[in-house]
Amino acid sequence: MLERRMSHDDLVDHLVRSTPLQRGEAARVVLDVLAYFDETAEEFVRRRHRELQSGGLNNTEIFERIAAELPHRAVAPPELSLRQLRRIVYG
């Protein structure tokens, strides 16, 4: 996490300049947003199921809602090997 924090110092600096956030608060916001978008599809489905279930929905309603939400959700891509990355670039 320290490596990620250091690689996003420019974003933290921007938030400090453009919002009333202090540096520590801005860093926490950046890390929270990154964690949100790092969530895999599987993690998203499990988390949303728990949230919707705790809200009183039944599984039929839950899975219909998750199916509708998932295409609009930014989820982390699968981890790619160096070879897979090369194939993306060179075919």
Protein backbone atom coordinates (compact mmCIF):
# COMPACT_ATOMS: atom_id res chain seq x y z
CA MET A 1 0.00 0.00 0.00
CA LEU A 2 2.93 2.34 0.65
CA GLU A 3 4.06 1.92 -2.97
CA ARG A 4 0.58 2.85 -4.19
CA ARG A 5 0.49 5.88 -1.89
CA MET A 6 3.81 7.10 -3.24
CA SER A 7 2.76 6.58 -6.85
CA HIS A 8 -0.30 8.80 -6.33
CA ASP A 9 1.32 11.74 -4.56
CA ASP A 10 0.43 13.98 -7.50
CA LEU A 11 -3.26 13.17 -7.04
CA VAL A 12 -3.03 13.76 -3.29
CA ASP A 13 -1.32 17.10 -3.96
CA HIS A 14 -4.08 18.04 -6.38
CA LEU A 15 -6.79 17.22 -3.84
CA VAL A 16 -5.04 19.27 -1.16
CA ARG A 17 -4.85 22.25 -3.54
CA SER A 18 -8.40 21.94 -4.87
CA THR A 19 -10.38 20.92 -1.77
CA PRO A 20 -10.42 21.76 1.93
CA LEU A 21 -8.91 18.33 2.70
CA GLN A 22 -5.68 18.06 4.67
CA ARG A 23 -2.92 15.87 3.20
CA GLY A 24 -3.72 12.86 5.40
CA GLU A 25 -7.42 13.07 4.58
CA ALA A 26 -6.71 13.40 0.86
CA ALA A 27 -4.39 10.38 0.95
CA ARG A 28 -7.08 8.35 2.72
CA VAL A 29 -9.66 9.35 0.09
CA VAL A 30 -7.32 8.34 -2.73
CA LEU A 31 -6.62 4.97 -1.11
CA ASP A 32 -10.34 4.37 -0.50
CA VAL A 33 -11.20 5.15 -4.12
CA LEU A 34 -8.40 2.93 -5.41
CA ALA A 35 -9.54 0.08 -3.17
CA TYR A 36 -13.09 0.54 -4.47
CA PHE A 37 -11.95 0.21 -8.07
CA ASP A 38 -9.54 -2.64 -7.32
CA GLU A 39 -12.47 -4.80 -6.29
CA THR A 40 -12.80 -7.83 -8.57
CA ALA A 41 -16.12 -8.87 -10.05
CA GLU A 42 -16.31 -11.75 -7.57
CA GLU A 43 -15.60 -9.47 -4.62
CA PHE A 44 -18.20 -7.00 -5.87
CA VAL A 45 -20.85 -9.72 -6.20
CA ARG A 46 -20.15 -11.05 -2.70
CA ARG A 47 -20.14 -7.58 -1.13
CA ARG A 48 -23.32 -6.44 -2.87
CA HIS A 49 -25.07 -9.70 -1.95
CA ARG A 50 -24.25 -9.12 1.72
CA GLU A 51 -25.36 -5.48 1.54
CA LEU A 52 -28.63 -6.21 -0.23
CA GLN A 53 -29.37 -9.21 1.97
CA SER A 54 -28.89 -7.09 5.07
CA GLY A 55 -31.35 -4.63 3.50
CA GLY A 56 -34.02 -7.32 3.49
CA LEU A 57 -34.07 -8.32 -0.17
CA ASN A 58 -34.47 -11.97 -1.14
CA ASN A 59 -32.02 -13.79 -3.41
CA THR A 60 -34.15 -13.43 -6.54
CA GLU A 61 -34.24 -9.65 -6.11
CA ILE A 62 -30.59 -9.53 -5.09
CA PHE A 63 -29.25 -11.44 -8.08
CA GLU A 64 -31.43 -9.47 -10.51
CA ARG A 65 -30.12 -6.21 -9.08
CA ILE A 66 -26.49 -7.40 -9.12
CA ALA A 67 -26.87 -8.57 -12.72
CA ALA A 68 -28.16 -5.11 -13.64
CA GLU A 69 -25.40 -3.29 -11.72
CA LEU A 70 -22.42 -5.36 -12.82
CA PRO A 71 -22.20 -4.15 -16.45
CA HIS A 72 -21.99 -0.56 -15.18
CA ARG A 73 -19.38 -1.30 -12.56
CA ALA A 74 -15.71 -0.62 -13.01
CA VAL A 75 -14.00 -3.75 -11.73
CA ALA A 76 -10.36 -4.63 -11.58
CA PRO A 77 -9.13 -6.57 -14.59
CA PRO A 78 -7.71 -10.04 -14.11
CA GLU A 79 -4.06 -10.14 -13.20
CA LEU A 80 -2.03 -10.54 -16.38
CA SER A 81 1.36 -12.16 -16.73
CA LEU A 82 4.16 -10.40 -18.61
CA ARG A 83 3.60 -12.83 -21.47
CA GLN A 84 -0.10 -11.96 -21.60
CA LEU A 85 0.77 -8.26 -21.61
CA ARG A 86 3.16 -8.82 -24.51
CA ARG A 87 0.43 -10.72 -26.40
CA ILE A 88 -1.95 -7.79 -25.93
CA VAL A 89 0.59 -5.47 -27.52
CA TYR A 90 2.11 -7.73 -30.17
CA GLY A 91 -0.68 -10.24 -30.79
